């Protein structure tokens, strides 16, 4: 599959609608595999720390994709500008965004955390207007307002039955900052792919950049080092989720290669719907999916759908 979709000439000869369809299919596959990874990780997260899962998943991804690079990427076509933009996007996400994402998951749970992070298309679309010259339609702005309404409902559901209100409000900052980093990273990835269209290389650089950040934190922070376990046990706990995220990351890069940020980003973020389904099936003992959370998440998805329709 990698070889087929690395054939840029074959893709660009297709009608525009077909290319967009390919981008949307990749984005849908990314959302599905990300959701599977989220639920797999959430099942085991109470047995470890959010720093451990962050580092372990980065190690898994870095190993897998740097094995793939010599096979899937023509090394004689390396573009320095593209590499630097991949480094930037990797530092934003998965780098700092993933660290904050798992902290939010630890504090809020998979369903709520993922729903708030799903607002990142608004940020990505706004930045894409200025940096990439994209032109969202009025439906996009309506969709953004709809998404915001859904997030408010999700946020209110966070406080239901919870006496530690102040702690919960503070915890809500983690997915919000994650959304900002993720939205900016989407634009940086698209810019990188515009000048150097090698998704496998982009994912590999992203994983390696994030791993360097975590190794730096391990060396610099005693708290980070003390809470992080890299062992056979943590590998056994999180390897399935790590593999799902590897596939999700690769699909998201291919989606961005062939589609605009304003089209791809909302589809990438329908994973809350999948997370709700999988959480209901597999996380009944870990999380309670309230009616307000369900309504809020569906509202987010409706808003994302409006953003997708140009």
C-alpha atoms as a PDB file:
ATOM      1  CA  UNK A   1       0.000   0.000   0.000  1.00  0.00           C
ATOM      2  CA  UNK A   2       2.836   2.404   0.875  1.00  0.00           C
ATOM      3  CA  UNK A   3       4.405   1.937  -2.557  1.00  0.00           C
ATOM      4  CA  UNK A   4       1.098   2.510  -4.340  1.00  0.00           C
ATOM      5  CA  UNK A   5       0.260   5.720  -2.512  1.00  0.00           C
ATOM      6  CA  UNK A   6       3.806   7.031  -2.738  1.00  0.00           C
ATOM      7  CA  UNK A   7       3.269   7.131  -6.494  1.00  0.00           C
ATOM      8  CA  UNK A   8       2.432  10.840  -6.623  1.00  0.00           C
ATOM      9  CA  UNK A   9       1.943  10.917 -10.385  1.00  0.00           C
ATOM     10  CA  UNK A  10      -0.665   8.169 -10.290  1.00  0.00           C
ATOM     11  CA  UNK A  11      -2.664   9.978  -7.638  1.00  0.00           C
ATOM     12  CA  UNK A  12      -2.522  13.450  -9.161  1.00  0.00           C
ATOM     13  CA  UNK A  13      -3.800  12.087 -12.490  1.00  0.00           C
ATOM     14  CA  UNK A  14      -7.080  11.200 -10.788  1.00  0.00           C
ATOM     15  CA  UNK A  15     -10.024  13.642 -10.717  1.00  0.00           C
ATOM     16  CA  UNK A  16     -10.024  16.076  -7.790  1.00  0.00           C
ATOM     17  CA  UNK A  17     -13.084  14.419  -6.267  1.00  0.00           C
ATOM     18  CA  UNK A  18     -11.321  11.039  -6.289  1.00  0.00           C
ATOM     19  CA  UNK A  19      -8.226  12.482  -4.615  1.00  0.00           C
ATOM     20  CA  UNK A  20     -10.384  14.065  -1.911  1.00  0.00           C
ATOM     21  CA  UNK A  21     -12.157  10.730  -1.431  1.00  0.00           C
ATOM     22  CA  UNK A  22      -8.808   9.019  -0.913  1.00  0.00           C
ATOM     23  CA  UNK A  23      -7.894  11.659   1.676  1.00  0.00           C
ATOM     24  CA  UNK A  24     -11.215  11.218   3.465  1.00  0.00           C
ATOM     25  CA  UNK A  25     -10.861   7.405   3.531  1.00  0.00           C
ATOM     26  CA  UNK A  26      -7.396   7.694   5.051  1.00  0.00           C
ATOM     27  CA  UNK A  27      -8.720  10.199   7.602  1.00  0.00           C
ATOM     28  CA  UNK A  28     -11.573   7.843   8.539  1.00  0.00           C
ATOM     29  CA  UNK A  29      -9.145   4.929   8.915  1.00  0.00           C
ATOM     30  CA  UNK A  30      -6.954   7.123  11.111  1.00  0.00           C
ATOM     31  CA  UNK A  31      -9.860   8.063  13.392  1.00  0.00           C
ATOM     32  CA  UNK A  32     -10.902   4.426  13.757  1.00  0.00           C
ATOM     33  CA  UNK A  33      -7.433   3.108  14.559  1.00  0.00           C
ATOM     34  CA  UNK A  34      -6.724   5.994  16.945  1.00  0.00           C
ATOM     35  CA  UNK A  35      -9.937   5.191  18.825  1.00  0.00           C
ATOM     36  CA  UNK A  36      -8.968   1.526  19.098  1.00  0.00           C
ATOM     37  CA  UNK A  37      -5.570   2.589  20.437  1.00  0.00           C
ATOM     38  CA  UNK A  38      -7.122   5.009  22.938  1.00  0.00           C
ATOM     39  CA  UNK A  39      -9.404   2.370  24.410  1.00  0.00           C
ATOM     40  CA  UNK A  40      -6.649  -0.256  24.483  1.00  0.00           C
ATOM     41  CA  UNK A  41      -4.377   2.150  26.359  1.00  0.00           C
ATOM     42  CA  UNK A  42      -7.140   3.332  28.711  1.00  0.00           C
ATOM     43  CA  UNK A  43      -7.798  -0.252  29.806  1.00  0.00           C
ATOM     44  CA  UNK A  44      -4.221  -0.496  31.111  1.00  0.00           C
ATOM     45  CA  UNK A  45      -3.493   3.118  32.059  1.00  0.00           C
ATOM     46  CA  UNK A  46      -4.381   2.618  35.727  1.00  0.00           C
ATOM     47  CA  UNK A  47      -1.588   0.008  35.924  1.00  0.00           C
ATOM     48  CA  UNK A  48       1.082   2.521  34.941  1.00  0.00           C
ATOM     49  CA  UNK A  49       1.688   6.266  34.516  1.00  0.00           C
ATOM     50  CA  UNK A  50       0.834   8.600  31.649  1.00  0.00           C
ATOM     51  CA  UNK A  51       4.549   9.363  31.220  1.00  0.00           C
ATOM     52  CA  UNK A  52       5.351   5.667  30.846  1.00  0.00           C
ATOM     53  CA  UNK A  53       2.781   5.104  28.103  1.00  0.00           C
ATOM     54  CA  UNK A  54       3.916   8.263  26.298  1.00  0.00           C
ATOM     55  CA  UNK A  55       7.558   7.187  26.182  1.00  0.00           C
ATOM     56  CA  UNK A  56       6.831   3.525  25.401  1.00  0.00           C
ATOM     57  CA  UNK A  57       4.544   4.394  22.476  1.00  0.00           C
ATOM     58  CA  UNK A  58       7.151   6.786  21.072  1.00  0.00           C
ATOM     59  CA  UNK A  59       9.813   4.068  21.272  1.00  0.00           C
ATOM     60  CA  UNK A  60       7.521   1.600  19.471  1.00  0.00           C
ATOM     61  CA  UNK A  61       6.726   4.101  16.708  1.00  0.00           C
ATOM     62  CA  UNK A  62      10.320   5.243  16.250  1.00  0.00           C
ATOM     63  CA  UNK A  63      11.549   1.654  15.854  1.00  0.00           C
ATOM     64  CA  UNK A  64       8.802   0.644  13.409  1.00  0.00           C
ATOM     65  CA  UNK A  65       9.014   3.673  11.125  1.00  0.00           C
ATOM     66  CA  UNK A  66      12.793   3.975  11.005  1.00  0.00           C
ATOM     67  CA  UNK A  67      12.852   0.349   9.878  1.00  0.00           C
ATOM     68  CA  UNK A  68      10.369   1.325   7.134  1.00  0.00           C
ATOM     69  CA  UNK A  69      12.186   4.481   5.983  1.00  0.00           C
ATOM     70  CA  UNK A  70      14.990   2.796   3.960  1.00  0.00           C
ATOM     71  CA  UNK A  71      12.396   0.546   2.299  1.00  0.00           C
ATOM     72  CA  UNK A  72       9.607   3.038   1.587  1.00  0.00           C
ATOM     73  CA  UNK A  73      11.389   6.382   1.108  1.00  0.00           C
ATOM     74  CA  UNK A  74      13.794   7.270  -1.732  1.00  0.00           C
ATOM     75  CA  UNK A  75      16.614   8.806   0.294  1.00  0.00           C
ATOM     76  CA  UNK A  76      18.046  10.711  -2.689  1.00  0.00           C
ATOM     77  CA  UNK A  77      15.030  13.056  -2.674  1.00  0.00           C
ATOM     78  CA  UNK A  78      15.354  14.379   0.887  1.00  0.00           C
ATOM     79  CA  UNK A  79      14.254  18.012   1.240  1.00  0.00           C
ATOM     80  CA  UNK A  80      15.739  19.979   4.161  1.00  0.00           C
ATOM     81  CA  UNK A  81      12.820  22.410   4.427  1.00  0.00           C
ATOM     82  CA  UNK A  82      10.394  19.510   4.617  1.00  0.00           C
ATOM     83  CA  UNK A  83      12.523  17.791   7.265  1.00  0.00           C
ATOM     84  CA  UNK A  84      12.568  20.920   9.444  1.00  0.00           C
ATOM     85  CA  UNK A  85       8.786  21.301   9.164  1.00  0.00           C
ATOM     86  CA  UNK A  86       8.341  17.618  10.081  1.00  0.00           C
ATOM     87  CA  UNK A  87      10.527  18.244  13.143  1.00  0.00           C
ATOM     88  CA  UNK A  88       8.343  21.213  14.113  1.00  0.00           C
ATOM     89  CA  UNK A  89       5.121  19.256  13.693  1.00  0.00           C
ATOM     90  CA  UNK A  90       6.614  16.298  15.602  1.00  0.00           C
ATOM     91  CA  UNK A  91       7.566  18.547  18.518  1.00  0.00           C
ATOM     92  CA  UNK A  92       4.001  19.911  18.677  1.00  0.00           C
ATOM     93  CA  UNK A  93       2.316  16.543  18.126  1.00  0.00           C
ATOM     94  CA  UNK A  94       2.981  13.823  19.034  1.00  0.00           C
ATOM     95  CA  UNK A  95       5.694  15.539  21.174  1.00  0.00           C
ATOM     96  CA  UNK A  96       4.121  17.778  23.795  1.00  0.00           C
ATOM     97  CA  UNK A  97       0.531  17.080  22.695  1.00  0.00           C
ATOM     98  CA  UNK A  98       0.786  13.352  23.432  1.00  0.00           C
ATOM     99  CA  UNK A  99       2.227  13.970  26.878  1.00  0.00           C
ATOM    100  CA  UNK A 100      -0.619  16.325  27.731  1.00  0.00           C
ATOM    101  CA  UNK A 101      -3.144  14.019  26.061  1.00  0.00           C
ATOM    102  CA  UNK A 102      -2.377  11.074  28.328  1.00  0.00           C
ATOM    103  CA  UNK A 103      -2.286  13.346  31.371  1.00  0.00           C
ATOM    104  CA  UNK A 104      -5.780  14.488  30.418  1.00  0.00           C
ATOM    105  CA  UNK A 105      -6.909  10.910  29.866  1.00  0.00           C
ATOM    106  CA  UNK A 106      -5.598   9.990  33.304  1.00  0.00           C
ATOM    107  CA  UNK A 107      -7.476  12.880  34.923  1.00  0.00           C
ATOM    108  CA  UNK A 108     -10.697  12.944  32.888  1.00  0.00           C
ATOM    109  CA  UNK A 109     -11.091   9.553  31.199  1.00  0.00           C
ATOM    110  CA  UNK A 110     -10.914   8.581  27.539  1.00  0.00           C
ATOM    111  CA  UNK A 111     -14.353   9.797  26.390  1.00  0.00           C
ATOM    112  CA  UNK A 112     -14.262  13.319  27.862  1.00  0.00           C
ATOM    113  CA  UNK A 113     -10.586  13.894  27.096  1.00  0.00           C
ATOM    114  CA  UNK A 114     -10.941  12.846  23.462  1.00  0.00           C
ATOM    115  CA  UNK A 115     -14.065  14.968  22.962  1.00  0.00           C
ATOM    116  CA  UNK A 116     -12.324  18.163  24.104  1.00  0.00           C
ATOM    117  CA  UNK A 117      -9.181  17.422  22.080  1.00  0.00           C
ATOM    118  CA  UNK A 118     -11.470  17.014  19.054  1.00  0.00           C
ATOM    119  CA  UNK A 119     -11.845  20.814  18.894  1.00  0.00           C
ATOM    120  CA  UNK A 120      -8.409  21.080  17.257  1.00  0.00           C
ATOM    121  CA  UNK A 121      -9.906  21.321  13.700  1.00  0.00           C
ATOM    122  CA  UNK A 122     -11.102  24.824  14.594  1.00  0.00           C
ATOM    123  CA  UNK A 123      -7.557  25.875  15.391  1.00  0.00           C
ATOM    124  CA  UNK A 124      -6.088  24.072  12.400  1.00  0.00           C
ATOM    125  CA  UNK A 125      -8.643  25.550  10.005  1.00  0.00           C
ATOM    126  CA  UNK A 126      -8.116  29.103  11.261  1.00  0.00           C
ATOM    127  CA  UNK A 127      -4.336  28.847  10.970  1.00  0.00           C
ATOM    128  CA  UNK A 128      -4.642  27.182   7.538  1.00  0.00           C
ATOM    129  CA  UNK A 129      -6.557  30.222   6.267  1.00  0.00           C
ATOM    130  CA  UNK A 130      -3.551  32.462   6.932  1.00  0.00           C
ATOM    131  CA  UNK A 131      -0.643  30.126   6.225  1.00  0.00           C
ATOM    132  CA  UNK A 132      -1.999  27.826   3.512  1.00  0.00           C
ATOM    133  CA  UNK A 133      -4.499  30.083   1.769  1.00  0.00           C
ATOM    134  CA  UNK A 134      -7.442  27.765   2.420  1.00  0.00           C
ATOM    135  CA  UNK A 135     -10.916  29.312   2.206  1.00  0.00           C
ATOM    136  CA  UNK A 136     -13.464  27.743   4.584  1.00  0.00           C
ATOM    137  CA  UNK A 137     -17.105  28.343   3.701  1.00  0.00           C
ATOM    138  CA  UNK A 138     -19.822  29.698   6.055  1.00  0.00           C
ATOM    139  CA  UNK A 139     -20.692  26.078   6.897  1.00  0.00           C
ATOM    140  CA  UNK A 140     -17.245  25.755   8.440  1.00  0.00           C
ATOM    141  CA  UNK A 141     -17.893  28.664  10.825  1.00  0.00           C
ATOM    142  CA  UNK A 142     -21.310  27.235  11.732  1.00  0.00           C
ATOM    143  CA  UNK A 143     -19.621  23.908  12.340  1.00  0.00           C
ATOM    144  CA  UNK A 144     -17.075  25.550  14.627  1.00  0.00           C
ATOM    145  CA  UNK A 145     -19.853  27.090  16.737  1.00  0.00           C
ATOM    146  CA  UNK A 146     -21.597  23.708  16.875  1.00  0.00           C
ATOM    147  CA  UNK A 147     -18.398  22.028  18.002  1.00  0.00           C
ATOM    148  CA  UNK A 148     -17.942  24.663  20.720  1.00  0.00           C
ATOM    149  CA  UNK A 149     -21.481  24.034  21.989  1.00  0.00           C
ATOM    150  CA  UNK A 150     -20.769  20.324  22.136  1.00  0.00           C
ATOM    151  CA  UNK A 151     -17.555  20.906  24.063  1.00  0.00           C
ATOM    152  CA  UNK A 152     -19.443  23.009  26.628  1.00  0.00           C
ATOM    153  CA  UNK A 153     -21.828  20.102  27.186  1.00  0.00           C
ATOM    154  CA  UNK A 154     -18.926  17.684  27.463  1.00  0.00           C
ATOM    155  CA  UNK A 155     -17.251  20.008  29.965  1.00  0.00           C
ATOM    156  CA  UNK A 156     -20.430  20.229  32.060  1.00  0.00           C
ATOM    157  CA  UNK A 157     -20.733  16.455  32.083  1.00  0.00           C
ATOM    158  CA  UNK A 158     -17.247  16.384  33.611  1.00  0.00           C
ATOM    159  CA  UNK A 159     -18.601  17.987  36.791  1.00  0.00           C
ATOM    160  CA  UNK A 160     -21.664  15.774  37.218  1.00  0.00           C
ATOM    161  CA  UNK A 161     -21.377  13.797  40.410  1.00  0.00           C
ATOM    162  CA  UNK A 162     -17.910  15.160  41.074  1.00  0.00           C
ATOM    163  CA  UNK A 163     -17.275  17.142  44.259  1.00  0.00           C
ATOM    164  CA  UNK A 164     -13.701  18.007  43.290  1.00  0.00           C
ATOM    165  CA  UNK A 165     -14.826  20.810  40.969  1.00  0.00           C
ATOM    166  CA  UNK A 166     -11.639  22.842  41.090  1.00  0.00           C
ATOM    167  CA  UNK A 167      -9.504  19.825  40.318  1.00  0.00           C
ATOM    168  CA  UNK A 168     -11.722  18.919  37.369  1.00  0.00           C
ATOM    169  CA  UNK A 169     -11.590  22.448  35.925  1.00  0.00           C
ATOM    170  CA  UNK A 170      -7.802  22.394  36.147  1.00  0.00           C
ATOM    171  CA  UNK A 171      -7.692  18.970  34.518  1.00  0.00           C
ATOM    172  CA  UNK A 172      -9.785  20.290  31.609  1.00  0.00           C
ATOM    173  CA  UNK A 173      -6.840  22.511  30.633  1.00  0.00           C
ATOM    174  CA  UNK A 174      -4.806  19.484  29.534  1.00  0.00           C
ATOM    175  CA  UNK A 175      -6.999  18.501  26.554  1.00  0.00           C
ATOM    176  CA  UNK A 176      -7.543  22.172  25.609  1.00  0.00           C
ATOM    177  CA  UNK A 177      -3.798  22.812  25.328  1.00  0.00           C
ATOM    178  CA  UNK A 178      -3.458  19.487  23.540  1.00  0.00           C
ATOM    179  CA  UNK A 179      -6.047  20.679  20.997  1.00  0.00           C
ATOM    180  CA  UNK A 180      -4.007  23.847  20.338  1.00  0.00           C
ATOM    181  CA  UNK A 181      -0.799  21.908  19.756  1.00  0.00           C
ATOM    182  CA  UNK A 182      -2.574  19.310  17.595  1.00  0.00           C
ATOM    183  CA  UNK A 183      -4.220  21.964  15.413  1.00  0.00           C
ATOM    184  CA  UNK A 184      -0.933  23.768  14.822  1.00  0.00           C
ATOM    185  CA  UNK A 185       0.804  20.448  14.122  1.00  0.00           C
ATOM    186  CA  UNK A 186      -1.723  19.620  11.381  1.00  0.00           C
ATOM    187  CA  UNK A 187      -0.859  22.840   9.547  1.00  0.00           C
ATOM    188  CA  UNK A 188       2.884  22.231   9.954  1.00  0.00           C
ATOM    189  CA  UNK A 189       2.491  18.690   8.575  1.00  0.00           C
ATOM    190  CA  UNK A 190       0.541  19.918   5.570  1.00  0.00           C
ATOM    191  CA  UNK A 191       3.215  22.538   4.859  1.00  0.00           C
ATOM    192  CA  UNK A 192       5.901  19.844   5.139  1.00  0.00           C
ATOM    193  CA  UNK A 193       4.041  17.462   2.840  1.00  0.00           C
ATOM    194  CA  UNK A 194       3.562  20.251   0.286  1.00  0.00           C
ATOM    195  CA  UNK A 195       7.338  20.552  -0.120  1.00  0.00           C
ATOM    196  CA  UNK A 196       8.355  16.954   0.695  1.00  0.00           C
ATOM    197  CA  UNK A 197       5.545  14.474   0.074  1.00  0.00           C
ATOM    198  CA  UNK A 198       6.847  11.469   2.013  1.00  0.00           C
ATOM    199  CA  UNK A 199       4.381  10.500   4.767  1.00  0.00           C
ATOM    200  CA  UNK A 200       6.499   7.601   6.064  1.00  0.00           C
ATOM    201  CA  UNK A 201       9.466   9.923   6.569  1.00  0.00           C
ATOM    202  CA  UNK A 202       7.198  12.493   8.199  1.00  0.00           C
ATOM    203  CA  UNK A 203       5.826   9.994  10.710  1.00  0.00           C
ATOM    204  CA  UNK A 204       9.318   8.628  11.430  1.00  0.00           C
ATOM    205  CA  UNK A 205      10.689  12.117  12.099  1.00  0.00           C
ATOM    206  CA  UNK A 206       7.674  12.951  14.257  1.00  0.00           C
ATOM    207  CA  UNK A 207       8.163   9.890  16.447  1.00  0.00           C
ATOM    208  CA  UNK A 208      11.912  10.470  16.716  1.00  0.00           C
ATOM    209  CA  UNK A 209      11.455  14.139  17.599  1.00  0.00           C
ATOM    210  CA  UNK A 210       8.945  13.324  20.309  1.00  0.00           C
ATOM    211  CA  UNK A 211      11.234  10.596  21.666  1.00  0.00           C
ATOM    212  CA  UNK A 212      14.126  13.091  21.928  1.00  0.00           C
ATOM    213  CA  UNK A 213      11.840  15.463  23.846  1.00  0.00           C
ATOM    214  CA  UNK A 214      10.891  12.736  26.317  1.00  0.00           C
ATOM    215  CA  UNK A 215      14.499  11.596  26.740  1.00  0.00           C
ATOM    216  CA  UNK A 216      15.432  15.210  27.437  1.00  0.00           C
ATOM    217  CA  UNK A 217      12.710  15.413  30.088  1.00  0.00           C
ATOM    218  CA  UNK A 218      13.905  12.133  31.582  1.00  0.00           C
ATOM    219  CA  UNK A 219      17.397  13.544  31.918  1.00  0.00           C
ATOM    220  CA  UNK A 220      16.266  16.962  33.142  1.00  0.00           C
ATOM    221  CA  UNK A 221      13.335  16.249  35.467  1.00  0.00           C
ATOM    222  CA  UNK A 222      13.573  13.929  38.448  1.00  0.00           C
ATOM    223  CA  UNK A 223       9.762  13.901  38.718  1.00  0.00           C
ATOM    224  CA  UNK A 224       9.399  12.825  35.087  1.00  0.00           C
ATOM    225  CA  UNK A 225      12.121  10.213  35.538  1.00  0.00           C
ATOM    226  CA  UNK A 226      10.594   8.922  38.764  1.00  0.00           C
ATOM    227  CA  UNK A 227       7.152   8.439  37.216  1.00  0.00           C
ATOM    228  CA  UNK A 228       8.359   6.793  34.000  1.00  0.00           C
ATOM    229  CA  UNK A 229       8.853   3.053  33.697  1.00  0.00           C
ATOM    230  CA  UNK A 230      10.367   1.589  30.539  1.00  0.00           C
ATOM    231  CA  UNK A 231      10.293  -2.190  30.891  1.00  0.00           C
ATOM    232  CA  UNK A 232       8.943  -5.422  29.487  1.00  0.00           C
ATOM    233  CA  UNK A 233       5.876  -4.907  31.661  1.00  0.00           C
ATOM    234  CA  UNK A 234       4.976  -1.505  30.204  1.00  0.00           C
ATOM    235  CA  UNK A 235       5.738  -2.771  26.704  1.00  0.00           C
ATOM    236  CA  UNK A 236       3.357  -5.665  27.297  1.00  0.00           C
ATOM    237  CA  UNK A 237       0.682  -3.277  28.605  1.00  0.00           C
ATOM    238  CA  UNK A 238       0.785  -0.776  25.753  1.00  0.00           C
ATOM    239  CA  UNK A 239       2.147  -2.442  22.613  1.00  0.00           C
ATOM    240  CA  UNK A 240      -1.308  -3.009  21.113  1.00  0.00           C
ATOM    241  CA  UNK A 241      -2.315   0.612  21.585  1.00  0.00           C
ATOM    242  CA  UNK A 242       1.075   1.684  20.244  1.00  0.00           C
ATOM    243  CA  UNK A 243       0.602  -0.308  17.043  1.00  0.00           C
ATOM    244  CA  UNK A 244      -2.886   1.149  16.548  1.00  0.00           C
ATOM    245  CA  UNK A 245      -1.487   4.649  16.942  1.00  0.00           C
ATOM    246  CA  UNK A 246       1.314   3.924  14.486  1.00  0.00           C
ATOM    247  CA  UNK A 247      -1.246   2.984  11.850  1.00  0.00           C
ATOM    248  CA  UNK A 248      -3.450   5.942  12.767  1.00  0.00           C
ATOM    249  CA  UNK A 249      -0.532   8.347  12.488  1.00  0.00           C
ATOM    250  CA  UNK A 250       0.491   6.984   9.087  1.00  0.00           C
ATOM    251  CA  UNK A 251      -3.067   7.209   7.749  1.00  0.00           C
ATOM    252  CA  UNK A 252      -3.380  10.799   8.987  1.00  0.00           C
ATOM    253  CA  UNK A 253      -0.216  11.811   7.103  1.00  0.00           C
ATOM    254  CA  UNK A 254      -1.499  10.226   3.892  1.00  0.00           C
ATOM    255  CA  UNK A 255      -4.841  11.998   4.407  1.00  0.00           C
ATOM    256  CA  UNK A 256      -3.079  15.348   4.770  1.00  0.00           C
ATOM    257  CA  UNK A 257      -0.918  14.633   1.748  1.00  0.00           C
ATOM    258  CA  UNK A 258      -3.948  14.422  -0.523  1.00  0.00           C
ATOM    259  CA  UNK A 259      -6.476  16.672   1.237  1.00  0.00           C
ATOM    260  CA  UNK A 260      -6.706  20.186   2.694  1.00  0.00           C
ATOM    261  CA  UNK A 261      -6.439  20.692   6.444  1.00  0.00           C
ATOM    262  CA  UNK A 262     -10.002  22.033   6.518  1.00  0.00           C
ATOM    263  CA  UNK A 263     -11.291  18.786   4.992  1.00  0.00           C
ATOM    264  CA  UNK A 264      -9.045  16.261   6.700  1.00  0.00           C
ATOM    265  CA  UNK A 265      -8.830  17.626  10.250  1.00  0.00           C
ATOM    266  CA  UNK A 266     -12.549  17.302  11.078  1.00  0.00           C
ATOM    267  CA  UNK A 267     -12.678  13.698   9.827  1.00  0.00           C
ATOM    268  CA  UNK A 268      -9.565  12.820  11.798  1.00  0.00           C
ATOM    269  CA  UNK A 269     -11.400  14.011  14.886  1.00  0.00           C
ATOM    270  CA  UNK A 270     -14.548  11.926  14.672  1.00  0.00           C
ATOM    271  CA  UNK A 271     -12.701   9.452  16.890  1.00  0.00           C
ATOM    272  CA  UNK A 272     -14.788  10.564  19.951  1.00  0.00           C
ATOM    273  CA  UNK A 273     -17.725   8.740  18.382  1.00  0.00           C
ATOM    274  CA  UNK A 274     -15.651   5.579  18.021  1.00  0.00           C
ATOM    275  CA  UNK A 275     -14.207   6.031  21.516  1.00  0.00           C
ATOM    276  CA  UNK A 276     -17.720   6.289  22.978  1.00  0.00           C
ATOM    277  CA  UNK A 277     -18.698   3.056  21.238  1.00  0.00           C
ATOM    278  CA  UNK A 278     -15.556   1.188  22.272  1.00  0.00           C
ATOM    279  CA  UNK A 279     -15.641   2.644  25.806  1.00  0.00           C
ATOM    280  CA  UNK A 280     -19.195   1.368  26.213  1.00  0.00           C
ATOM    281  CA  UNK A 281     -18.138  -2.069  25.001  1.00  0.00           C
ATOM    282  CA  UNK A 282     -14.798  -2.412  26.777  1.00  0.00           C
ATOM    283  CA  UNK A 283     -14.522   0.188  29.564  1.00  0.00           C
ATOM    284  CA  UNK A 284     -17.814  -0.230  31.456  1.00  0.00           C
ATOM    285  CA  UNK A 285     -16.001  -0.703  34.753  1.00  0.00           C
ATOM    286  CA  UNK A 286     -13.665   2.246  34.153  1.00  0.00           C
ATOM    287  CA  UNK A 287     -15.901   4.989  32.798  1.00  0.00           C
ATOM    288  CA  UNK A 288     -19.521   6.036  32.895  1.00  0.00           C
ATOM    289  CA  UNK A 289     -20.901   7.454  29.656  1.00  0.00           C
ATOM    290  CA  UNK A 290     -23.622   9.910  30.757  1.00  0.00           C
ATOM    291  CA  UNK A 291     -26.472  11.142  28.581  1.00  0.00           C
ATOM    292  CA  UNK A 292     -25.046  14.700  28.590  1.00  0.00           C
ATOM    293  CA  UNK A 293     -21.658  13.399  27.515  1.00  0.00           C
ATOM    294  CA  UNK A 294     -23.314  11.420  24.726  1.00  0.00           C
ATOM    295  CA  UNK A 295     -25.300  14.449  23.515  1.00  0.00           C
ATOM    296  CA  UNK A 296     -22.236  16.675  23.707  1.00  0.00           C
ATOM    297  CA  UNK A 297     -20.081  14.241  21.778  1.00  0.00           C
ATOM    298  CA  UNK A 298     -22.715  13.767  19.074  1.00  0.00           C
ATOM    299  CA  UNK A 299     -22.977  17.571  18.812  1.00  0.00           C
ATOM    300  CA  UNK A 300     -19.213  17.773  18.363  1.00  0.00           C
ATOM    301  CA  UNK A 301     -19.401  15.194  15.597  1.00  0.00           C
ATOM    302  CA  UNK A 302     -22.261  17.089  13.882  1.00  0.00           C
ATOM    303  CA  UNK A 303     -20.201  20.265  13.979  1.00  0.00           C
ATOM    304  CA  UNK A 304     -17.205  18.436  12.567  1.00  0.00           C
ATOM    305  CA  UNK A 305     -19.410  17.113   9.754  1.00  0.00           C
ATOM    306  CA  UNK A 306     -20.510  20.646   8.891  1.00  0.00           C
ATOM    307  CA  UNK A 307     -16.881  21.717   8.740  1.00  0.00           C
ATOM    308  CA  UNK A 308     -16.216  18.889   6.306  1.00  0.00           C
ATOM    309  CA  UNK A 309     -18.973  19.972   3.856  1.00  0.00           C
ATOM    310  CA  UNK A 310     -17.596  22.740   1.648  1.00  0.00           C
END
